[in-house]
PDB file of N, CA and C in Angstrom:
ATOM      1  N   MET A   1     -24.290   9.727   7.221  1.00  0.00           N
ATOM      2  CA  MET A   1     -23.914   8.338   7.375  1.00  0.00           C
ATOM      3  C   MET A   1     -23.006   8.173   8.618  1.00  0.00           C
ATOM      4  N   ARG A   2     -22.993   6.983   9.141  1.00  0.00           N
ATOM      5  CA  ARG A   2     -22.205   6.709  10.354  1.00  0.00           C
ATOM      6  C   ARG A   2     -20.876   6.071  10.044  1.00  0.00           C
ATOM      7  N   VAL A   3     -19.827   6.590  10.606  1.00  0.00           N
ATOM      8  CA  VAL A   3     -18.488   5.990  10.429  1.00  0.00           C
ATOM      9  C   VAL A   3     -17.810   6.031  11.818  1.00  0.00           C
ATOM     10  N   VAL A   4     -16.631   5.430  11.985  1.00  0.00           N
ATOM     11  CA  VAL A   4     -15.937   5.445  13.241  1.00  0.00           C
ATOM     12  C   VAL A   4     -14.647   6.255  12.943  1.00  0.00           C
ATOM     13  N   ILE A   5     -14.505   7.324  13.692  1.00  0.00           N
ATOM     14  CA  ILE A   5     -13.264   8.155  13.518  1.00  0.00           C
ATOM     15  C   ILE A   5     -12.558   8.145  14.848  1.00  0.00           C
ATOM     16  N   ASN A   6     -11.334   7.629  14.729  1.00  0.00           N
ATOM     17  CA  ASN A   6     -10.415   7.543  15.947  1.00  0.00           C
ATOM     18  C   ASN A   6     -11.124   6.812  17.106  1.00  0.00           C
ATOM     19  N   GLY A   7     -11.844   5.760  16.780  1.00  0.00           N
ATOM     20  CA  GLY A   7     -12.532   4.932  17.783  1.00  0.00           C
ATOM     21  C   GLY A   7     -13.889   5.425  18.214  1.00  0.00           C
ATOM     22  N   GLU A   8     -14.377   6.554  17.673  1.00  0.00           N
ATOM     23  CA  GLU A   8     -15.654   7.207  18.111  1.00  0.00           C
ATOM     24  C   GLU A   8     -16.610   7.165  16.914  1.00  0.00           C
ATOM     25  N   GLU A   9     -17.774   6.572  17.138  1.00  0.00           N
ATOM     26  CA  GLU A   9     -18.818   6.575  16.077  1.00  0.00           C
ATOM     27  C   GLU A   9     -19.358   7.973  15.905  1.00  0.00           C
ATOM     28  N   ARG A  10     -19.365   8.379  14.607  1.00  0.00           N
ATOM     29  CA  ARG A  10     -19.800   9.731  14.296  1.00  0.00           C
ATOM     30  C   ARG A  10     -20.750   9.777  13.071  1.00  0.00           C
ATOM     31  N   GLU A  11     -21.564  10.733  13.041  1.00  0.00           N
ATOM     32  CA  GLU A  11     -22.452  11.000  11.876  1.00  0.00           C
ATOM     33  C   GLU A  11     -21.780  12.062  11.011  1.00  0.00           C
ATOM     34  N   VAL A  12     -21.524  11.709   9.772  1.00  0.00           N
ATOM     35  CA  VAL A  12     -20.795  12.623   8.787  1.00  0.00           C
ATOM     36  C   VAL A  12     -21.589  12.772   7.547  1.00  0.00           C
ATOM     37  N   PRO A  13     -21.255  13.754   6.718  1.00  0.00           N
ATOM     38  CA  PRO A  13     -22.018  13.995   5.472  1.00  0.00           C
ATOM     39  C   PRO A  13     -21.951  12.822   4.557  1.00  0.00           C
ATOM     40  N   GLU A  14     -23.066  12.470   3.954  1.00  0.00           N
ATOM     41  CA  GLU A  14     -23.164  11.395   3.024  1.00  0.00           C
ATOM     42  C   GLU A  14     -22.337  11.627   1.799  1.00  0.00           C
ATOM     43  N   GLY A  15     -21.598  10.630   1.310  1.00  0.00           N
ATOM     44  CA  GLY A  15     -20.895  10.698   0.083  1.00  0.00           C
ATOM     45  C   GLY A  15     -19.686  11.618  -0.001  1.00  0.00           C
ATOM     46  N   CYS A  16     -19.078  11.869   1.162  1.00  0.00           N
ATOM     47  CA  CYS A  16     -17.952  12.784   1.139  1.00  0.00           C
ATOM     48  C   CYS A  16     -16.679  12.018   0.823  1.00  0.00           C
ATOM     49  N   THR A  17     -15.659  12.777   0.429  1.00  0.00           N
ATOM     50  CA  THR A  17     -14.284  12.303   0.224  1.00  0.00           C
ATOM     51  C   THR A  17     -13.523  12.475   1.501  1.00  0.00           C
ATOM     52  N   VAL A  18     -12.325  11.883   1.596  1.00  0.00           N
ATOM     53  CA  VAL A  18     -11.487  12.120   2.784  1.00  0.00           C
ATOM     54  C   VAL A  18     -11.188  13.564   2.969  1.00  0.00           C
ATOM     55  N   ARG A  19     -10.867  14.307   1.938  1.00  0.00           N
ATOM     56  CA  ARG A  19     -10.577  15.671   2.019  1.00  0.00           C
ATOM     57  C   ARG A  19     -11.772  16.523   2.519  1.00  0.00           C
ATOM     58  N   GLU A  20     -13.016  16.206   1.978  1.00  0.00           N
ATOM     59  CA  GLU A  20     -14.257  16.884   2.447  1.00  0.00           C
ATOM     60  C   GLU A  20     -14.499  16.606   3.875  1.00  0.00           C
ATOM     61  N   LEU A  21     -14.193  15.336   4.338  1.00  0.00           N
ATOM     62  CA  LEU A  21     -14.400  14.958   5.726  1.00  0.00           C
ATOM     63  C   LEU A  21     -13.454  15.771   6.603  1.00  0.00           C
ATOM     64  N   LEU A  22     -12.215  15.848   6.263  1.00  0.00           N
ATOM     65  CA  LEU A  22     -11.253  16.616   7.054  1.00  0.00           C
ATOM     66  C   LEU A  22     -11.637  18.089   7.119  1.00  0.00           C
ATOM     67  N   GLU A  23     -12.047  18.674   6.035  1.00  0.00           N
ATOM     68  CA  GLU A  23     -12.505  20.054   6.088  1.00  0.00           C
ATOM     69  C   GLU A  23     -13.737  20.178   6.951  1.00  0.00           C
ATOM     70  N   TRP A  24     -14.716  19.290   6.860  1.00  0.00           N
ATOM     71  CA  TRP A  24     -15.891  19.335   7.613  1.00  0.00           C
ATOM     72  C   TRP A  24     -15.550  19.222   9.180  1.00  0.00           C
ATOM     73  N   LEU A  25     -14.515  18.416   9.462  1.00  0.00           N
ATOM     74  CA  LEU A  25     -14.066  18.299  10.880  1.00  0.00           C
ATOM     75  C   LEU A  25     -13.237  19.493  11.305  1.00  0.00           C
ATOM     76  N   GLY A  26     -12.817  20.326  10.366  1.00  0.00           N
ATOM     77  CA  GLY A  26     -12.032  21.498  10.749  1.00  0.00           C
ATOM     78  C   GLY A  26     -10.543  21.115  10.913  1.00  0.00           C
ATOM     79  N   VAL A  27     -10.130  20.005  10.280  1.00  0.00           N
ATOM     80  CA  VAL A  27      -8.773  19.535  10.367  1.00  0.00           C
ATOM     81  C   VAL A  27      -7.883  20.087   9.173  1.00  0.00           C
ATOM     82  N   ARG A  28      -6.732  20.629   9.544  1.00  0.00           N
ATOM     83  CA  ARG A  28      -5.824  21.123   8.483  1.00  0.00           C
ATOM     84  C   ARG A  28      -5.252  19.946   7.757  1.00  0.00           C
ATOM     85  N   THR A  29      -5.582  19.835   6.482  1.00  0.00           N
ATOM     86  CA  THR A  29      -5.250  18.691   5.675  1.00  0.00           C
ATOM     87  C   THR A  29      -3.778  18.454   5.476  1.00  0.00           C
ATOM     88  N   GLU A  30      -3.023  19.501   5.539  1.00  0.00           N
ATOM     89  CA  GLU A  30      -1.530  19.359   5.306  1.00  0.00           C
ATOM     90  C   GLU A  30      -0.776  18.803   6.504  1.00  0.00           C
ATOM     91  N   LEU A  31      -1.423  18.719   7.619  1.00  0.00           N
ATOM     92  CA  LEU A  31      -0.752  18.326   8.822  1.00  0.00           C
ATOM     93  C   LEU A  31      -1.268  16.977   9.478  1.00  0.00           C
ATOM     94  N   VAL A  32      -1.858  16.089   8.610  1.00  0.00           N
ATOM     95  CA  VAL A  32      -2.338  14.901   9.135  1.00  0.00           C
ATOM     96  C   VAL A  32      -1.999  13.699   8.245  1.00  0.00           C
ATOM     97  N   ALA A  33      -2.126  12.502   8.801  1.00  0.00           N
ATOM     98  CA  ALA A  33      -2.054  11.268   8.064  1.00  0.00           C
ATOM     99  C   ALA A  33      -3.433  10.623   8.277  1.00  0.00           C
ATOM    100  N   VAL A  34      -3.941   9.929   7.274  1.00  0.00           N
ATOM    101  CA  VAL A  34      -5.258   9.322   7.308  1.00  0.00           C
ATOM    102  C   VAL A  34      -5.188   7.920   6.942  1.00  0.00           C
ATOM    103  N   GLU A  35      -5.885   7.053   7.680  1.00  0.00           N
ATOM    104  CA  GLU A  35      -6.002   5.675   7.372  1.00  0.00           C
ATOM    105  C   GLU A  35      -7.508   5.330   7.302  1.00  0.00           C
ATOM    106  N   VAL A  36      -7.949   4.639   6.233  1.00  0.00           N
ATOM    107  CA  VAL A  36      -9.296   4.213   6.151  1.00  0.00           C
ATOM    108  C   VAL A  36      -9.325   2.644   6.062  1.00  0.00           C
ATOM    109  N   ASN A  37      -9.999   2.067   7.006  1.00  0.00           N
ATOM    110  CA  ASN A  37     -10.090   0.612   7.131  1.00  0.00           C
ATOM    111  C   ASN A  37      -8.676  -0.031   7.031  1.00  0.00           C
ATOM    112  N   ARG A  38      -7.731   0.545   7.784  1.00  0.00           N
ATOM    113  CA  ARG A  38      -6.357   0.031   7.937  1.00  0.00           C
ATOM    114  C   ARG A  38      -5.494   0.252   6.719  1.00  0.00           C
ATOM    115  N   ASN A  39      -5.983   1.042   5.766  1.00  0.00           N
ATOM    116  CA  ASN A  39      -5.167   1.377   4.546  1.00  0.00           C
ATOM    117  C   ASN A  39      -4.789   2.850   4.621  1.00  0.00           C
ATOM    118  N   VAL A  40      -3.510   3.135   4.435  1.00  0.00           N
ATOM    119  CA  VAL A  40      -3.102   4.530   4.492  1.00  0.00           C
ATOM    120  C   VAL A  40      -3.562   5.189   3.183  1.00  0.00           C
ATOM    121  N   VAL A  41      -4.159   6.430   3.310  1.00  0.00           N
ATOM    122  CA  VAL A  41      -4.661   7.211   2.195  1.00  0.00           C
ATOM    123  C   VAL A  41      -3.645   8.317   2.012  1.00  0.00           C
ATOM    124  N   SER A  42      -2.898   8.305   0.877  1.00  0.00           N
ATOM    125  CA  SER A  42      -1.902   9.380   0.609  1.00  0.00           C
ATOM    126  C   SER A  42      -2.622  10.717   0.453  1.00  0.00           C
ATOM    127  N   ARG A  43      -1.867  11.738   0.701  1.00  0.00           N
ATOM    128  CA  ARG A  43      -2.444  13.130   0.622  1.00  0.00           C
ATOM    129  C   ARG A  43      -3.007  13.363  -0.792  1.00  0.00           C
ATOM    130  N   GLU A  44      -2.316  12.760  -1.787  1.00  0.00           N
ATOM    131  CA  GLU A  44      -2.806  12.953  -3.224  1.00  0.00           C
ATOM    132  C   GLU A  44      -4.116  12.306  -3.455  1.00  0.00           C
ATOM    133  N   GLU A  45      -4.462  11.273  -2.625  1.00  0.00           N
ATOM    134  CA  GLU A  45      -5.726  10.547  -2.776  1.00  0.00           C
ATOM    135  C   GLU A  45      -6.862  11.121  -1.931  1.00  0.00           C
ATOM    136  N   HIS A  46      -6.579  12.093  -1.050  1.00  0.00           N
ATOM    137  CA  HIS A  46      -7.640  12.611  -0.150  1.00  0.00           C
ATOM    138  C   HIS A  46      -8.808  13.149  -0.963  1.00  0.00           C
ATOM    139  N   ALA A  47      -8.594  13.745  -2.132  1.00  0.00           N
ATOM    140  CA  ALA A  47      -9.734  14.324  -2.875  1.00  0.00           C
ATOM    141  C   ALA A  47     -10.487  13.327  -3.617  1.00  0.00           C
ATOM    142  N   THR A  48      -9.982  12.127  -3.828  1.00  0.00           N
ATOM    143  CA  THR A  48     -10.696  11.080  -4.593  1.00  0.00           C
ATOM    144  C   THR A  48     -11.112   9.886  -3.840  1.00  0.00           C
ATOM    145  N   CYS A  49     -10.648   9.740  -2.640  1.00  0.00           N
ATOM    146  CA  CYS A  49     -10.977   8.533  -1.765  1.00  0.00           C
ATOM    147  C   CYS A  49     -12.337   8.820  -1.116  1.00  0.00           C
ATOM    148  N   SER A  50     -13.358   8.071  -1.461  1.00  0.00           N
ATOM    149  CA  SER A  50     -14.690   8.207  -0.873  1.00  0.00           C
ATOM    150  C   SER A  50     -14.794   7.550   0.456  1.00  0.00           C
ATOM    151  N   VAL A  51     -15.563   8.202   1.316  1.00  0.00           N
ATOM    152  CA  VAL A  51     -15.819   7.586   2.639  1.00  0.00           C
ATOM    153  C   VAL A  51     -17.175   6.888   2.545  1.00  0.00           C
ATOM    154  N   SER A  52     -17.300   5.695   3.094  1.00  0.00           N
ATOM    155  CA  SER A  52     -18.517   4.880   2.984  1.00  0.00           C
ATOM    156  C   SER A  52     -19.069   4.630   4.366  1.00  0.00           C
ATOM    157  N   PRO A  53     -20.375   4.371   4.501  1.00  0.00           N
ATOM    158  CA  PRO A  53     -20.913   4.052   5.806  1.00  0.00           C
ATOM    159  C   PRO A  53     -20.206   2.845   6.390  1.00  0.00           C
ATOM    160  N   GLY A  54     -19.901   2.976   7.712  1.00  0.00           N
ATOM    161  CA  GLY A  54     -19.252   1.903   8.441  1.00  0.00           C
ATOM    162  C   GLY A  54     -17.761   1.910   8.316  1.00  0.00           C
ATOM    163  N   ASP A  55     -17.157   2.782   7.574  1.00  0.00           N
ATOM    164  CA  ASP A  55     -15.736   2.912   7.492  1.00  0.00           C
ATOM    165  C   ASP A  55     -15.090   3.241   8.880  1.00  0.00           C
ATOM    166  N   HIS A  56     -13.927   2.661   9.121  1.00  0.00           N
ATOM    167  CA  HIS A  56     -13.101   2.977  10.262  1.00  0.00           C
ATOM    168  C   HIS A  56     -12.004   3.875   9.834  1.00  0.00           C
ATOM    169  N   ILE A  57     -11.975   5.065  10.372  1.00  0.00           N
ATOM    170  CA  ILE A  57     -11.011   6.142   9.894  1.00  0.00           C
ATOM    171  C   ILE A  57     -10.155   6.556  11.103  1.00  0.00           C
ATOM    172  N   GLU A  58      -8.823   6.560  10.868  1.00  0.00           N
ATOM    173  CA  GLU A  58      -7.934   7.115  11.844  1.00  0.00           C
ATOM    174  C   GLU A  58      -7.271   8.341  11.291  1.00  0.00           C
ATOM    175  N   ILE A  59      -7.275   9.362  12.058  1.00  0.00           N
ATOM    176  CA  ILE A  59      -6.655  10.662  11.642  1.00  0.00           C
ATOM    177  C   ILE A  59      -5.628  11.000  12.699  1.00  0.00           C
ATOM    178  N   VAL A  60      -4.358  11.137  12.230  1.00  0.00           N
ATOM    179  CA  VAL A  60      -3.251  11.435  13.148  1.00  0.00           C
ATOM    180  C   VAL A  60      -2.719  12.798  12.762  1.00  0.00           C
ATOM    181  N   SER A  61      -2.698  13.722  13.757  1.00  0.00           N
ATOM    182  CA  SER A  61      -2.153  15.030  13.525  1.00  0.00           C
ATOM    183  C   SER A  61      -0.718  15.107  13.900  1.00  0.00           C
ATOM    184  N   PHE A  62       0.075  15.805  13.104  1.00  0.00           N
ATOM    185  CA  PHE A  62       1.488  16.001  13.304  1.00  0.00           C
ATOM    186  C   PHE A  62       1.649  17.323  14.113  1.00  0.00           C
ATOM    187  N   THR A  63       2.505  17.292  15.170  1.00  0.00           N
ATOM    188  CA  THR A  63       2.738  18.499  15.881  1.00  0.00           C
ATOM    189  C   THR A  63       4.277  18.652  15.992  1.00  0.00           C
ATOM    190  N   GLY A  64       4.688  19.827  16.106  1.00  0.00           N
ATOM    191  CA  GLY A  64       6.147  20.139  16.265  1.00  0.00           C
ATOM    192  C   GLY A  64       6.415  20.754  17.589  1.00  0.00           C
ATOM    193  N   GLY A  65       7.587  20.689  17.988  1.00  0.00           N
ATOM    194  CA  GLY A  65       7.993  21.283  19.256  1.00  0.00           C
ATOM    195  C   GLY A  65       9.476  21.662  19.247  1.00  0.00           C
ATOM    196  N   GLY A  66       9.924  22.210  20.335  1.00  0.00           N
ATOM    197  CA  GLY A  66      11.274  22.621  20.310  1.00  0.00           C
ATOM    198  C   GLY A  66      11.861  22.452  21.681  1.00  0.00           C
TER     199      GLY A  66
END
């Protein structure tokens, strides 16, 4: 199915959850914030929030420095 991730249209697995999408993308789930269609998805909801065709998803990674 086609979705938009961080402004880029992508083909992703059909019927996946946010957590499955992050894993498929190789993103460490504990270090990101996710928004689907302008709604923040809490980490607790990653496993139950389904991704649908046409969704707009923003993934923000946290980085540390010193």
